Protein backbone atom coordinates (compact mmCIF):
# COMPACT_ATOMS: atom_id res chain seq x y z
CA MET A 1 -0.45 0.04 -0.46
CA ARG A 2 0.91 3.50 -0.89
CA VAL A 3 0.42 6.06 1.21
CA PHE A 4 0.90 10.28 1.06
CA PRO A 5 0.54 12.88 3.29
CA THR A 6 -1.58 15.66 2.37
CA LEU A 7 0.17 19.36 3.19
CA GLN A 8 -2.37 19.97 5.93
CA PHE A 9 -1.58 16.70 7.52
CA VAL A 10 2.28 17.30 7.27
CA ARG A 11 1.02 20.60 9.53
CA MET A 12 -0.63 19.32 11.96
CA PHE A 13 1.82 16.55 12.63
CA ASP A 14 4.06 18.70 12.80
CA SER A 15 1.95 20.76 15.60
CA LEU A 16 2.28 17.68 17.69
CA GLU A 17 4.54 16.43 20.22
CA HIS A 18 7.75 14.25 19.31
CA ASP A 19 6.92 10.92 21.58
CA LEU A 20 3.51 10.95 19.91
CA GLN A 21 5.31 11.66 16.45
CA GLU A 22 6.76 8.13 16.65
CA GLU A 23 3.97 6.77 18.10
CA ALA A 24 2.20 7.53 15.00
CA LEU A 25 4.70 6.98 12.41
CA GLU A 26 5.21 3.34 13.62
CA ARG A 27 1.51 3.59 13.26
CA ILE A 28 0.75 4.27 9.70
CA GLU A 29 3.89 2.14 9.38
CA MET A 30 1.73 -0.48 10.24
CA PHE A 31 -1.40 0.78 8.75
CA LYS A 32 0.25 -0.29 5.19
CA ASN A 33 0.00 -3.70 6.17
CA ILE A 34 -4.37 -4.68 5.93
CA SER A 35 -4.01 -7.51 8.13
CA SER A 36 -2.90 -4.39 11.18
CA HIS A 37 -6.78 -2.72 10.32
CA ARG A 38 -8.53 -4.48 12.95
CA MET A 39 -6.28 -3.73 15.72
CA LEU A 40 -5.48 0.14 13.79
CA ARG A 41 -9.66 0.16 13.96
CA VAL A 42 -10.18 1.37 10.78
CA HIS A 43 -13.17 2.90 10.33
CA LYS A 44 -15.79 4.35 7.87
CA LEU A 45 -16.56 8.06 9.00
CA ARG A 46 -20.29 9.82 8.53
CA GLY A 47 -21.26 13.41 7.75
CA LYS A 48 -18.72 15.91 5.78
CA TYR A 49 -16.53 12.56 6.51
CA LYS A 50 -18.44 9.73 5.00
CA ASN A 51 -15.97 9.32 2.09
CA CYS A 52 -13.74 9.05 4.31
CA TYR A 53 -11.88 6.76 7.30
CA ALA A 54 -9.60 6.11 9.98
CA PHE A 55 -7.26 4.65 12.60
CA SER A 56 -6.57 4.75 16.20
CA VAL A 57 -2.77 5.96 16.90
CA ASN A 58 -4.21 5.79 20.55
CA HIS A 59 -6.62 6.14 22.43
CA ARG A 60 -6.98 9.78 22.33
CA VAL A 61 -5.44 10.49 18.14
CA ARG A 62 -6.89 9.51 15.01
CA VAL A 63 -5.68 9.36 11.24
CA VAL A 64 -8.07 10.71 8.92
CA PHE A 65 -7.42 9.18 5.32
CA GLU A 66 -9.33 8.44 1.66
CA TYR A 67 -8.14 6.06 -0.64
CA ALA A 68 -7.43 7.05 -3.59
CA ARG A 69 -10.16 6.60 -6.33
CA GLY A 70 -10.64 3.44 -8.14
CA THR A 71 -7.95 1.79 -5.58
CA LYS A 72 -7.44 0.52 -1.93
CA GLN A 73 -3.73 0.61 -2.45
CA THR A 74 -3.08 3.96 -2.59
CA VAL A 75 -4.44 6.50 0.27
CA TYR A 76 -3.94 9.61 1.37
CA LEU A 77 -3.55 10.72 4.92
CA LEU A 78 -5.55 14.08 5.54
CA ALA A 79 -5.16 14.87 9.02
CA ILE A 80 -3.69 13.12 12.62
CA GLY A 81 -4.93 14.49 15.74
CA ASP A 82 -8.06 14.25 18.86
CA HIS A 83 -11.76 13.61 17.54
CA ASP A 84 -11.84 17.76 17.00
CA VAL A 85 -10.33 16.78 13.75
CA TYR A 86 -13.80 14.82 12.61
CA ARG A 87 -15.41 18.50 12.80
């Protein structure tokens, strides 16, 4: 799976504490292996994010992403943060 961060994601990621950045990078690497999706709690979102999905970095932080059209092998990371990223 190929994963591409958007500019917004990079800005949000850069504002995180270093330890949380390290944890997020580990989870993103895990996310690339589809067999890890259940453990990361990958789930489809609703409302204004109905075309997006999210997975857990830890109990507080989530990564919001979307699949490229027509494939589940390319992913764009859209946002990272607590539940406020859904607003």
